[in-house]
Amino acid sequence: MERMKCIIAHGDLDGLTAAAILVDALEKESGGRAVLLIAQPFTLSSVLAKALALRDLDRLYIVDVGVDPGTWSQVKERLSRVKLRTEIVVWIDHHRTTLERLEELARLGISLVYSIDGSAASIARYAFLDRTSDPEFFEKLAIIGEISDRVREADPSDPLARAAEILGSSLSARARDEDFKIGLVRKWVEEKVLIDEEVERAAEEARSRLGELLREAERRKMYESEKLVVVDFREVPARGYISRVAAEYASRTGKITILLFYSGPKEVVATCRVPEELEVDAARVLAKIAGEMGGSSGGHPKACSIRVPRERVEALVRKLTELEARVVGS
């Protein structure tokens, strides 16, 4: 009987492109079909429970899912149970919070494949591209993932930059639809098609919704200075669009842009994007704020988020308004 291979991937474009490279390489190697599951950092524990329910699990890969400190104890317990069933567990990531758990992962017998400067797609390309069924196609897919995660610059006229925009928009429109995300990966693997009509339709929906949300952001500014704007999106239904709104607003205004929103009954999230022309490390300062407030953080110098307890929201706003002096002035 063919032993089962499972990939748990983050559902953004970087995570899905990396997962597609890995899925293709594994299926080419074994001839069997790999199981793909979608997770966010704070849902990883529950998704690991699904992986544990798979029969004949042989290998488990976690791709582009950063460690969430708030759920780490549950994740660690379930990883230890996975290791009782399979020798091969590999975590492919580029988030600081995962690197901080390197020693614990090693004690569990889990291999961490990590990149400081690249994205998950960068790692997948380096480690698995030569083992895929179509290296030329999956090279393009890896570049799209890197563009989407802002570790590769691309001219807007570049066809792959355009593909990254369309695919990223479609994922915003289908943020809650895991079947859409898994289907996208299967289409890449089985048909070698980057974009189809369904993706185009979803992207068009997303462009319209993004325009509405950008206008809403303009109305909901709670703090603005020469180089910083903080926007209150706590009561705005914008799942799947938060990062795109922040990135677009930062690009249009040339200001560090922070969107504040609730991710559930217990947490408030601040998502930050820094314009390309500003050489600042917002992730470093936001991580310090999260630590001071009993929260967690993740991301890169110009694209990052923090989570803090919901009852600390007013204190968080005060600290965020000081961000310009702490980052730009440092």
C-alpha atoms as a PDB file:
ATOM      1  CA  MET A   1       0.000   0.000   0.000  1.00  0.00           C
ATOM      2  CA  GLU A   2       1.284   3.490  -0.924  1.00  0.00           C
ATOM      3  CA  ARG A   3       2.222   5.482   2.156  1.00  0.00           C
ATOM      4  CA  MET A   4       0.558   8.900   2.507  1.00  0.00           C
ATOM      5  CA  LYS A   5       2.385  12.197   2.052  1.00  0.00           C
ATOM      6  CA  CYS A   6       0.765  15.321   3.514  1.00  0.00           C
ATOM      7  CA  ILE A   7       1.585  18.994   2.971  1.00  0.00           C
ATOM      8  CA  ILE A   8       0.167  21.672   5.273  1.00  0.00           C
ATOM      9  CA  ALA A   9       0.567  25.050   3.564  1.00  0.00           C
ATOM     10  CA  HIS A  10      -0.304  28.648   4.248  1.00  0.00           C
ATOM     11  CA  GLY A  11      -3.066  29.807   1.934  1.00  0.00           C
ATOM     12  CA  ASP A  12      -1.388  32.897   0.501  1.00  0.00           C
ATOM     13  CA  LEU A  13       0.302  32.987  -2.893  1.00  0.00           C
ATOM     14  CA  ASP A  14       3.786  32.332  -1.531  1.00  0.00           C
ATOM     15  CA  GLY A  15       2.594  29.329   0.455  1.00  0.00           C
ATOM     16  CA  LEU A  16       0.555  27.866  -2.385  1.00  0.00           C
ATOM     17  CA  THR A  17       3.251  28.242  -5.039  1.00  0.00           C
ATOM     18  CA  ALA A  18       5.783  26.611  -2.707  1.00  0.00           C
ATOM     19  CA  ALA A  19       3.294  23.833  -1.966  1.00  0.00           C
ATOM     20  CA  ALA A  20       2.707  23.221  -5.679  1.00  0.00           C
ATOM     21  CA  ILE A  21       6.429  22.726  -6.304  1.00  0.00           C
ATOM     22  CA  LEU A  22       6.636  20.296  -3.398  1.00  0.00           C
ATOM     23  CA  VAL A  23       3.451  18.407  -4.349  1.00  0.00           C
ATOM     24  CA  ASP A  24       4.672  17.923  -7.917  1.00  0.00           C
ATOM     25  CA  ALA A  25       8.112  16.748  -6.810  1.00  0.00           C
ATOM     26  CA  LEU A  26       6.683  14.264  -4.308  1.00  0.00           C
ATOM     27  CA  GLU A  27       4.104  12.889  -6.734  1.00  0.00           C
ATOM     28  CA  LYS A  28       6.672  12.537  -9.497  1.00  0.00           C
ATOM     29  CA  GLU A  29       8.893  10.634  -7.077  1.00  0.00           C
ATOM     30  CA  SER A  30       6.261   8.234  -5.723  1.00  0.00           C
ATOM     31  CA  GLY A  31       3.566   8.164  -8.382  1.00  0.00           C
ATOM     32  CA  GLY A  32       0.960   8.588  -5.630  1.00  0.00           C
ATOM     33  CA  ARG A  33      -1.194  11.574  -4.758  1.00  0.00           C
ATOM     34  CA  ALA A  34      -0.173  13.919  -1.927  1.00  0.00           C
ATOM     35  CA  VAL A  35      -2.750  15.365   0.458  1.00  0.00           C
ATOM     36  CA  LEU A  36      -2.768  19.175   0.707  1.00  0.00           C
ATOM     37  CA  LEU A  37      -4.249  20.957   3.733  1.00  0.00           C
ATOM     38  CA  ILE A  38      -4.464  24.730   4.299  1.00  0.00           C
ATOM     39  CA  ALA A  39      -3.539  26.413   7.582  1.00  0.00           C
ATOM     40  CA  GLN A  40      -2.834  29.756   9.182  1.00  0.00           C
ATOM     41  CA  PRO A  41      -0.437  30.016  12.128  1.00  0.00           C
ATOM     42  CA  PHE A  42      -3.240  30.068  14.700  1.00  0.00           C
ATOM     43  CA  THR A  43      -5.108  27.155  13.049  1.00  0.00           C
ATOM     44  CA  LEU A  44      -2.080  24.881  12.645  1.00  0.00           C
ATOM     45  CA  SER A  45      -2.904  22.808  15.721  1.00  0.00           C
ATOM     46  CA  SER A  46      -6.370  21.891  14.415  1.00  0.00           C
ATOM     47  CA  VAL A  47      -5.006  21.155  10.925  1.00  0.00           C
ATOM     48  CA  LEU A  48      -2.347  18.880  12.433  1.00  0.00           C
ATOM     49  CA  ALA A  49      -5.225  16.927  13.981  1.00  0.00           C
ATOM     50  CA  LYS A  50      -6.535  16.332  10.442  1.00  0.00           C
ATOM     51  CA  ALA A  51      -3.121  15.108   9.364  1.00  0.00           C
ATOM     52  CA  LEU A  52      -3.031  12.723  12.319  1.00  0.00           C
ATOM     53  CA  ALA A  53      -6.338  11.277  11.147  1.00  0.00           C
ATOM     54  CA  LEU A  54      -4.826  10.251   7.786  1.00  0.00           C
ATOM     55  CA  ARG A  55      -4.127   6.544   7.408  1.00  0.00           C
ATOM     56  CA  ASP A  56      -0.597   5.371   6.608  1.00  0.00           C
ATOM     57  CA  LEU A  57       0.977   8.818   7.009  1.00  0.00           C
ATOM     58  CA  ASP A  58       4.551   8.573   5.736  1.00  0.00           C
ATOM     59  CA  ARG A  59       5.803  12.164   5.471  1.00  0.00           C
ATOM     60  CA  LEU A  60       4.569  15.539   6.685  1.00  0.00           C
ATOM     61  CA  TYR A  61       5.678  18.922   5.351  1.00  0.00           C
ATOM     62  CA  ILE A  62       4.642  22.262   6.862  1.00  0.00           C
ATOM     63  CA  VAL A  63       5.093  25.070   4.342  1.00  0.00           C
ATOM     64  CA  ASP A  64       5.086  28.840   5.012  1.00  0.00           C
ATOM     65  CA  VAL A  65       3.177  28.554   8.300  1.00  0.00           C
ATOM     66  CA  GLY A  66       4.913  30.632  10.950  1.00  0.00           C
ATOM     67  CA  VAL A  67       4.796  29.564  14.586  1.00  0.00           C
ATOM     68  CA  ASP A  68       2.014  31.244  16.569  1.00  0.00           C
ATOM     69  CA  PRO A  69       3.293  31.549  20.161  1.00  0.00           C
ATOM     70  CA  GLY A  70      -0.264  31.493  21.497  1.00  0.00           C
ATOM     71  CA  THR A  71      -0.916  27.977  20.168  1.00  0.00           C
ATOM     72  CA  TRP A  72       2.632  26.614  20.199  1.00  0.00           C
ATOM     73  CA  SER A  73       2.085  24.231  23.125  1.00  0.00           C
ATOM     74  CA  GLN A  74      -0.792  22.494  21.294  1.00  0.00           C
ATOM     75  CA  VAL A  75       1.167  22.436  18.025  1.00  0.00           C
ATOM     76  CA  LYS A  76       4.194  20.937  19.757  1.00  0.00           C
ATOM     77  CA  GLU A  77       2.096  18.213  21.376  1.00  0.00           C
ATOM     78  CA  ARG A  78       0.551  17.220  18.053  1.00  0.00           C
ATOM     79  CA  LEU A  79       3.896  17.301  16.277  1.00  0.00           C
ATOM     80  CA  SER A  80       5.258  14.874  18.867  1.00  0.00           C
ATOM     81  CA  ARG A  81       2.364  12.539  18.056  1.00  0.00           C
ATOM     82  CA  VAL A  82       3.077  12.848  14.324  1.00  0.00           C
ATOM     83  CA  LYS A  83       6.699  11.874  14.976  1.00  0.00           C
ATOM     84  CA  LEU A  84       5.502   8.632  16.582  1.00  0.00           C
ATOM     85  CA  ARG A  85       4.005   7.662  13.215  1.00  0.00           C
ATOM     86  CA  THR A  86       6.520   8.935  10.692  1.00  0.00           C
ATOM     87  CA  GLU A  87      10.242   9.590  10.573  1.00  0.00           C
ATOM     88  CA  ILE A  88      10.089  12.473   8.107  1.00  0.00           C
ATOM     89  CA  VAL A  89       8.633  15.807   9.244  1.00  0.00           C
ATOM     90  CA  VAL A  90       9.987  18.915   7.517  1.00  0.00           C
ATOM     91  CA  TRP A  91       9.078  22.545   8.273  1.00  0.00           C
ATOM     92  CA  ILE A  92       9.786  24.928   5.366  1.00  0.00           C
ATOM     93  CA  ASP A  93       9.533  28.549   6.428  1.00  0.00           C
ATOM     94  CA  HIS A  94      10.947  32.070   6.509  1.00  0.00           C
ATOM     95  CA  HIS A  95       9.203  33.585   9.546  1.00  0.00           C
ATOM     96  CA  ARG A  96      11.228  34.684  12.565  1.00  0.00           C
ATOM     97  CA  THR A  97       8.855  33.086  15.064  1.00  0.00           C
ATOM     98  CA  THR A  98       9.614  29.664  13.562  1.00  0.00           C
ATOM     99  CA  LEU A  99      13.369  30.165  13.643  1.00  0.00           C
ATOM    100  CA  GLU A 100      13.057  31.079  17.325  1.00  0.00           C
ATOM    101  CA  ARG A 101      11.768  27.519  17.943  1.00  0.00           C
ATOM    102  CA  LEU A 102      14.710  25.861  16.184  1.00  0.00           C
ATOM    103  CA  GLU A 103      16.019  24.053  19.271  1.00  0.00           C
ATOM    104  CA  GLU A 104      12.570  22.784  20.251  1.00  0.00           C
ATOM    105  CA  LEU A 105      11.937  21.537  16.724  1.00  0.00           C
ATOM    106  CA  ALA A 106      15.299  19.785  16.723  1.00  0.00           C
ATOM    107  CA  ARG A 107      14.445  18.045  19.999  1.00  0.00           C
ATOM    108  CA  LEU A 108      11.213  16.837  18.423  1.00  0.00           C
ATOM    109  CA  GLY A 109      13.218  15.447  15.490  1.00  0.00           C
ATOM    110  CA  ILE A 110      11.724  17.910  13.008  1.00  0.00           C
ATOM    111  CA  SER A 111      13.906  19.345  10.227  1.00  0.00           C
ATOM    112  CA  LEU A 112      13.636  23.098   9.692  1.00  0.00           C
ATOM    113  CA  VAL A 113      14.505  24.404   6.219  1.00  0.00           C
ATOM    114  CA  TYR A 114      14.697  28.157   6.652  1.00  0.00           C
ATOM    115  CA  SER A 115      15.501  31.229   4.557  1.00  0.00           C
ATOM    116  CA  ILE A 116      16.544  34.584   6.001  1.00  0.00           C
ATOM    117  CA  ASP A 117      16.206  36.597   2.779  1.00  0.00           C
ATOM    118  CA  GLY A 118      13.848  34.519   0.630  1.00  0.00           C
ATOM    119  CA  SER A 119      10.272  33.305   0.788  1.00  0.00           C
ATOM    120  CA  ALA A 120       8.786  29.823   1.015  1.00  0.00           C
ATOM    121  CA  ALA A 121       8.722  29.704  -2.786  1.00  0.00           C
ATOM    122  CA  SER A 122      12.454  30.524  -2.802  1.00  0.00           C
ATOM    123  CA  ILE A 123      13.153  27.569  -0.528  1.00  0.00           C
ATOM    124  CA  ALA A 124      10.960  25.207  -2.557  1.00  0.00           C
ATOM    125  CA  ARG A 125      12.674  26.248  -5.782  1.00  0.00           C
ATOM    126  CA  TYR A 126      16.123  25.675  -4.319  1.00  0.00           C
ATOM    127  CA  ALA A 127      15.276  22.321  -2.722  1.00  0.00           C
ATOM    128  CA  PHE A 128      12.789  20.722  -5.120  1.00  0.00           C
ATOM    129  CA  LEU A 129      12.704  22.431  -8.530  1.00  0.00           C
ATOM    130  CA  ASP A 130      15.030  19.917 -10.220  1.00  0.00           C
ATOM    131  CA  ARG A 131      12.809  17.088  -8.991  1.00  0.00           C
ATOM    132  CA  THR A 132       9.589  18.448 -10.559  1.00  0.00           C
ATOM    133  CA  SER A 133       7.949  17.237 -13.751  1.00  0.00           C
ATOM    134  CA  ASP A 134       8.380  20.631 -15.466  1.00  0.00           C
ATOM    135  CA  PRO A 135      11.180  22.783 -13.979  1.00  0.00           C
ATOM    136  CA  GLU A 136      10.546  25.634 -16.441  1.00  0.00           C
ATOM    137  CA  PHE A 137       6.889  25.971 -15.406  1.00  0.00           C
ATOM    138  CA  PHE A 138       7.592  25.675 -11.690  1.00  0.00           C
ATOM    139  CA  GLU A 139      10.434  28.194 -11.947  1.00  0.00           C
ATOM    140  CA  LYS A 140       7.851  30.718 -13.133  1.00  0.00           C
ATOM    141  CA  LEU A 141       5.560  29.720 -10.275  1.00  0.00           C
ATOM    142  CA  ALA A 142       8.356  30.230  -7.735  1.00  0.00           C
ATOM    143  CA  ILE A 143       9.064  33.715  -9.128  1.00  0.00           C
ATOM    144  CA  ILE A 144       5.361  34.568  -8.806  1.00  0.00           C
ATOM    145  CA  GLY A 145       5.474  33.479  -5.164  1.00  0.00           C
ATOM    146  CA  GLU A 146       8.546  35.623  -4.529  1.00  0.00           C
ATOM    147  CA  ILE A 147       6.966  38.658  -6.172  1.00  0.00           C
ATOM    148  CA  SER A 148       3.823  38.225  -4.087  1.00  0.00           C
ATOM    149  CA  ASP A 149       5.875  38.030  -0.883  1.00  0.00           C
ATOM    150  CA  ARG A 150       7.925  41.091  -1.842  1.00  0.00           C
ATOM    151  CA  VAL A 151      11.300  39.358  -1.770  1.00  0.00           C
ATOM    152  CA  ARG A 152      11.709  39.893  -5.520  1.00  0.00           C
ATOM    153  CA  GLU A 153      11.207  43.167  -7.363  1.00  0.00           C
ATOM    154  CA  ALA A 154       9.527  43.044 -10.759  1.00  0.00           C
ATOM    155  CA  ASP A 155       8.550  45.618 -13.329  1.00  0.00           C
ATOM    156  CA  PRO A 156       4.738  45.912 -13.501  1.00  0.00           C
ATOM    157  CA  SER A 157       4.973  45.176 -17.235  1.00  0.00           C
ATOM    158  CA  ASP A 158       6.591  41.783 -16.529  1.00  0.00           C
ATOM    159  CA  PRO A 159       4.058  39.027 -17.365  1.00  0.00           C
ATOM    160  CA  LEU A 160       4.923  37.214 -14.134  1.00  0.00           C
ATOM    161  CA  ALA A 161       4.285  40.380 -12.100  1.00  0.00           C
ATOM    162  CA  ARG A 162       0.921  40.641 -13.812  1.00  0.00           C
ATOM    163  CA  ALA A 163       0.213  36.981 -13.038  1.00  0.00           C
ATOM    164  CA  ALA A 164       1.135  37.563  -9.389  1.00  0.00           C
ATOM    165  CA  GLU A 165      -1.336  40.444  -9.220  1.00  0.00           C
ATOM    166  CA  ILE A 166      -4.167  38.429 -10.766  1.00  0.00           C
ATOM    167  CA  LEU A 167      -3.527  35.347  -8.631  1.00  0.00           C
ATOM    168  CA  GLY A 168      -3.119  37.382  -5.446  1.00  0.00           C
ATOM    169  CA  SER A 169      -6.359  39.217  -6.154  1.00  0.00           C
ATOM    170  CA  SER A 170      -8.228  35.968  -6.774  1.00  0.00           C
ATOM    171  CA  LEU A 171      -7.041  34.634  -3.407  1.00  0.00           C
ATOM    172  CA  SER A 172      -8.305  37.799  -1.707  1.00  0.00           C
ATOM    173  CA  ALA A 173     -11.740  37.223  -3.222  1.00  0.00           C
ATOM    174  CA  ARG A 174     -11.713  33.559  -2.140  1.00  0.00           C
ATOM    175  CA  ALA A 175      -9.997  34.010   1.237  1.00  0.00           C
ATOM    176  CA  ARG A 176     -12.333  31.574   3.021  1.00  0.00           C
ATOM    177  CA  ASP A 177     -12.479  29.029   0.212  1.00  0.00           C
ATOM    178  CA  GLU A 178      -9.944  26.291   0.897  1.00  0.00           C
ATOM    179  CA  ASP A 179     -11.286  24.205  -1.988  1.00  0.00           C
ATOM    180  CA  PHE A 180     -10.436  27.068  -4.364  1.00  0.00           C
ATOM    181  CA  LYS A 181      -6.872  27.211  -3.026  1.00  0.00           C
ATOM    182  CA  ILE A 182      -6.349  23.460  -3.191  1.00  0.00           C
ATOM    183  CA  GLY A 183      -7.904  23.391  -6.658  1.00  0.00           C
ATOM    184  CA  LEU A 184      -5.507  26.097  -7.799  1.00  0.00           C
ATOM    185  CA  VAL A 185      -2.523  24.016  -6.690  1.00  0.00           C
ATOM    186  CA  ARG A 186      -3.933  20.911  -8.411  1.00  0.00           C
ATOM    187  CA  LYS A 187      -4.404  22.884 -11.649  1.00  0.00           C
ATOM    188  CA  TRP A 188      -0.797  24.046 -11.518  1.00  0.00           C
ATOM    189  CA  VAL A 189       0.436  20.513 -10.867  1.00  0.00           C
ATOM    190  CA  GLU A 190      -1.812  18.595 -13.250  1.00  0.00           C
ATOM    191  CA  GLU A 191      -2.483  21.057 -16.084  1.00  0.00           C
ATOM    192  CA  LYS A 192       0.477  23.483 -15.824  1.00  0.00           C
ATOM    193  CA  VAL A 193      -1.973  26.388 -16.199  1.00  0.00           C
ATOM    194  CA  LEU A 194      -1.170  29.551 -14.225  1.00  0.00           C
ATOM    195  CA  ILE A 195      -4.487  31.364 -14.655  1.00  0.00           C
ATOM    196  CA  ASP A 196      -7.891  30.194 -15.857  1.00  0.00           C
ATOM    197  CA  GLU A 197     -11.310  31.849 -16.239  1.00  0.00           C
ATOM    198  CA  GLU A 198     -12.325  31.178 -12.633  1.00  0.00           C
ATOM    199  CA  VAL A 199      -9.195  32.924 -11.389  1.00  0.00           C
ATOM    200  CA  GLU A 200      -9.820  35.872 -13.728  1.00  0.00           C
ATOM    201  CA  ARG A 201     -13.410  36.244 -12.465  1.00  0.00           C
ATOM    202  CA  ALA A 202     -12.309  36.130  -8.835  1.00  0.00           C
ATOM    203  CA  ALA A 203      -9.572  38.691  -9.520  1.00  0.00           C
ATOM    204  CA  GLU A 204     -12.080  41.074 -11.078  1.00  0.00           C
ATOM    205  CA  GLU A 205     -14.295  40.775  -8.004  1.00  0.00           C
ATOM    206  CA  ALA A 206     -11.288  41.492  -5.819  1.00  0.00           C
ATOM    207  CA  ARG A 207     -10.308  44.635  -7.741  1.00  0.00           C
ATOM    208  CA  SER A 208     -13.775  46.081  -7.233  1.00  0.00           C
ATOM    209  CA  ARG A 209     -13.791  45.229  -3.525  1.00  0.00           C
ATOM    210  CA  LEU A 210     -10.258  46.588  -3.052  1.00  0.00           C
ATOM    211  CA  GLY A 211     -11.344  49.945  -4.463  1.00  0.00           C
ATOM    212  CA  GLU A 212     -14.231  50.066  -1.980  1.00  0.00           C
ATOM    213  CA  LEU A 213     -11.947  49.209   0.936  1.00  0.00           C
ATOM    214  CA  LEU A 214      -9.346  51.809  -0.024  1.00  0.00           C
ATOM    215  CA  ARG A 215     -12.061  54.458   0.072  1.00  0.00           C
ATOM    216  CA  GLU A 216     -13.142  53.090   3.453  1.00  0.00           C
ATOM    217  CA  ALA A 217      -9.553  53.295   4.701  1.00  0.00           C
ATOM    218  CA  GLU A 218      -9.449  56.963   3.787  1.00  0.00           C
ATOM    219  CA  ARG A 219     -12.515  57.544   5.987  1.00  0.00           C
ATOM    220  CA  ARG A 220     -11.221  55.469   8.902  1.00  0.00           C
ATOM    221  CA  LYS A 221      -7.819  57.033   9.532  1.00  0.00           C
ATOM    222  CA  MET A 222      -7.347  57.296  13.296  1.00  0.00           C
ATOM    223  CA  TYR A 223      -3.846  58.797  13.168  1.00  0.00           C
ATOM    224  CA  GLU A 224      -1.804  60.393  10.391  1.00  0.00           C
ATOM    225  CA  SER A 225       1.541  62.144  10.266  1.00  0.00           C
ATOM    226  CA  GLU A 226       4.173  62.858   7.639  1.00  0.00           C
ATOM    227  CA  LYS A 227       5.305  59.237   7.319  1.00  0.00           C
ATOM    228  CA  LEU A 228       2.734  57.129   9.188  1.00  0.00           C
ATOM    229  CA  VAL A 229      -0.975  56.374   8.991  1.00  0.00           C
ATOM    230  CA  VAL A 230      -2.999  54.108  11.299  1.00  0.00           C
ATOM    231  CA  VAL A 231      -6.377  52.925   9.997  1.00  0.00           C
ATOM    232  CA  ASP A 232      -9.169  51.447  12.121  1.00  0.00           C
ATOM    233  CA  PHE A 233     -10.624  48.423  10.312  1.00  0.00           C
ATOM    234  CA  ARG A 234     -11.977  46.735  13.445  1.00  0.00           C
ATOM    235  CA  GLU A 235     -15.581  46.920  12.252  1.00  0.00           C
ATOM    236  CA  VAL A 236     -14.931  46.412   8.545  1.00  0.00           C
ATOM    237  CA  PRO A 237     -15.535  42.963   6.951  1.00  0.00           C
ATOM    238  CA  ALA A 238     -12.304  42.696   4.975  1.00  0.00           C
ATOM    239  CA  ARG A 239     -10.954  39.188   5.409  1.00  0.00           C
ATOM    240  CA  GLY A 240      -8.503  38.372   2.629  1.00  0.00           C
ATOM    241  CA  TYR A 241      -7.961  42.038   1.788  1.00  0.00           C
ATOM    242  CA  ILE A 242      -6.182  43.484   4.819  1.00  0.00           C
ATOM    243  CA  SER A 243      -2.645  43.003   3.493  1.00  0.00           C
ATOM    244  CA  ARG A 244      -3.581  44.230   0.014  1.00  0.00           C
ATOM    245  CA  VAL A 245      -5.276  47.349   1.368  1.00  0.00           C
ATOM    246  CA  ALA A 246      -2.268  48.127   3.563  1.00  0.00           C
ATOM    247  CA  ALA A 247       0.205  47.545   0.705  1.00  0.00           C
ATOM    248  CA  GLU A 248      -1.763  49.594  -1.803  1.00  0.00           C
ATOM    249  CA  TYR A 249      -2.326  52.439   0.650  1.00  0.00           C
ATOM    250  CA  ALA A 250       1.377  52.514   1.550  1.00  0.00           C
ATOM    251  CA  SER A 251       2.306  52.552  -2.140  1.00  0.00           C
ATOM    252  CA  ARG A 252      -0.125  55.379  -2.963  1.00  0.00           C
ATOM    253  CA  THR A 253       0.730  57.614  -0.004  1.00  0.00           C
ATOM    254  CA  GLY A 254       4.421  56.830   0.562  1.00  0.00           C
ATOM    255  CA  LYS A 255       3.619  56.353   4.255  1.00  0.00           C
ATOM    256  CA  ILE A 256       4.036  53.443   6.648  1.00  0.00           C
ATOM    257  CA  THR A 257       0.507  52.056   6.776  1.00  0.00           C
ATOM    258  CA  ILE A 258      -0.958  50.077   9.690  1.00  0.00           C
ATOM    259  CA  LEU A 259      -4.417  48.506   9.601  1.00  0.00           C
ATOM    260  CA  LEU A 260      -5.969  47.512  12.907  1.00  0.00           C
ATOM    261  CA  PHE A 261      -8.561  44.713  12.903  1.00  0.00           C
ATOM    262  CA  TYR A 262     -10.031  41.962  15.076  1.00  0.00           C
ATOM    263  CA  SER A 263      -9.046  38.406  14.181  1.00  0.00           C
ATOM    264  CA  GLY A 264     -11.440  36.815  16.671  1.00  0.00           C
ATOM    265  CA  PRO A 265     -12.943  37.353  20.108  1.00  0.00           C
ATOM    266  CA  LYS A 266      -9.578  37.455  21.904  1.00  0.00           C
ATOM    267  CA  GLU A 267      -7.082  39.205  19.629  1.00  0.00           C
ATOM    268  CA  VAL A 268      -6.523  42.450  17.803  1.00  0.00           C
ATOM    269  CA  VAL A 269      -4.090  42.468  14.876  1.00  0.00           C
ATOM    270  CA  ALA A 270      -2.006  45.316  13.488  1.00  0.00           C
ATOM    271  CA  THR A 271      -0.828  44.665   9.925  1.00  0.00           C
ATOM    272  CA  CYS A 272       1.910  46.958   8.629  1.00  0.00           C
ATOM    273  CA  ARG A 273       3.285  47.721   5.176  1.00  0.00           C
ATOM    274  CA  VAL A 274       6.241  49.995   4.468  1.00  0.00           C
ATOM    275  CA  PRO A 275       6.659  51.839   1.131  1.00  0.00           C
ATOM    276  CA  GLU A 276       9.571  50.628  -0.985  1.00  0.00           C
ATOM    277  CA  GLU A 277      11.343  53.966  -0.791  1.00  0.00           C
ATOM    278  CA  LEU A 278      11.582  53.911   3.025  1.00  0.00           C
ATOM    279  CA  GLU A 279      14.513  51.907   4.402  1.00  0.00           C
ATOM    280  CA  VAL A 280      13.061  50.974   7.779  1.00  0.00           C
ATOM    281  CA  ASP A 281      12.619  47.738   9.728  1.00  0.00           C
ATOM    282  CA  ALA A 282       9.051  47.928  11.004  1.00  0.00           C
ATOM    283  CA  ALA A 283       9.085  44.224  11.940  1.00  0.00           C
ATOM    284  CA  ARG A 284      11.796  44.784  14.558  1.00  0.00           C
ATOM    285  CA  VAL A 285       9.908  47.582  16.296  1.00  0.00           C
ATOM    286  CA  LEU A 286       6.506  45.904  16.063  1.00  0.00           C
ATOM    287  CA  ALA A 287       7.953  42.700  17.514  1.00  0.00           C
ATOM    288  CA  LYS A 288       9.184  44.728  20.490  1.00  0.00           C
ATOM    289  CA  ILE A 289       5.714  46.208  20.955  1.00  0.00           C
ATOM    290  CA  ALA A 290       4.133  42.750  20.770  1.00  0.00           C
ATOM    291  CA  GLY A 291       6.576  41.454  23.383  1.00  0.00           C
ATOM    292  CA  GLU A 292       5.768  44.332  25.719  1.00  0.00           C
ATOM    293  CA  MET A 293       2.054  43.588  25.411  1.00  0.00           C
ATOM    294  CA  GLY A 294       2.062  39.804  25.702  1.00  0.00           C
ATOM    295  CA  GLY A 295       1.441  39.266  22.007  1.00  0.00           C
ATOM    296  CA  SER A 296       3.138  37.668  19.025  1.00  0.00           C
ATOM    297  CA  SER A 297       4.660  38.897  15.784  1.00  0.00           C
ATOM    298  CA  GLY A 298       5.773  37.778  12.363  1.00  0.00           C
ATOM    299  CA  GLY A 299       6.805  38.992   8.954  1.00  0.00           C
ATOM    300  CA  HIS A 300       9.576  40.982   7.292  1.00  0.00           C
ATOM    301  CA  PRO A 301      11.006  44.506   7.710  1.00  0.00           C
ATOM    302  CA  LYS A 302       8.489  45.973   5.264  1.00  0.00           C
ATOM    303  CA  ALA A 303       5.568  43.559   5.641  1.00  0.00           C
ATOM    304  CA  CYS A 304       4.653  42.365   9.117  1.00  0.00           C
ATOM    305  CA  SER A 305       1.879  41.889  11.661  1.00  0.00           C
ATOM    306  CA  ILE A 306       1.466  41.620  15.394  1.00  0.00           C
ATOM    307  CA  ARG A 307      -1.293  40.124  17.548  1.00  0.00           C
ATOM    308  CA  VAL A 308      -2.050  41.310  21.066  1.00  0.00           C
ATOM    309  CA  PRO A 309      -4.856  40.585  23.548  1.00  0.00           C
ATOM    310  CA  ARG A 310      -8.012  42.384  22.548  1.00  0.00           C
ATOM    311  CA  GLU A 311      -8.328  44.189  25.873  1.00  0.00           C
ATOM    312  CA  ARG A 312      -5.016  45.948  25.170  1.00  0.00           C
ATOM    313  CA  VAL A 313      -6.254  47.658  22.018  1.00  0.00           C
ATOM    314  CA  GLU A 314      -6.181  51.223  23.351  1.00  0.00           C
ATOM    315  CA  ALA A 315      -2.640  50.815  24.642  1.00  0.00           C
ATOM    316  CA  LEU A 316      -1.682  49.309  21.288  1.00  0.00           C
ATOM    317  CA  VAL A 317      -2.999  52.343  19.423  1.00  0.00           C
ATOM    318  CA  ARG A 318      -0.916  54.637  21.641  1.00  0.00           C
ATOM    319  CA  LYS A 319       2.223  52.615  20.932  1.00  0.00           C
ATOM    320  CA  LEU A 320       1.531  52.511  17.189  1.00  0.00           C
ATOM    321  CA  THR A 321       1.270  56.285  16.996  1.00  0.00           C
ATOM    322  CA  GLU A 322       4.834  56.392  18.343  1.00  0.00           C
ATOM    323  CA  LEU A 323       6.055  54.103  15.567  1.00  0.00           C
ATOM    324  CA  GLU A 324       7.241  56.894  13.285  1.00  0.00           C
ATOM    325  CA  ALA A 325       9.689  58.212  15.891  1.00  0.00           C
ATOM    326  CA  ARG A 326      10.858  54.701  16.840  1.00  0.00           C
ATOM    327  CA  VAL A 327      11.384  53.495  13.261  1.00  0.00           C
ATOM    328  CA  VAL A 328      11.939  56.435  10.932  1.00  0.00           C
ATOM    329  CA  GLY A 329      13.805  58.430  13.546  1.00  0.00           C
ATOM    330  CA  SER A 330      16.087  55.574  14.599  1.00  0.00           C
END
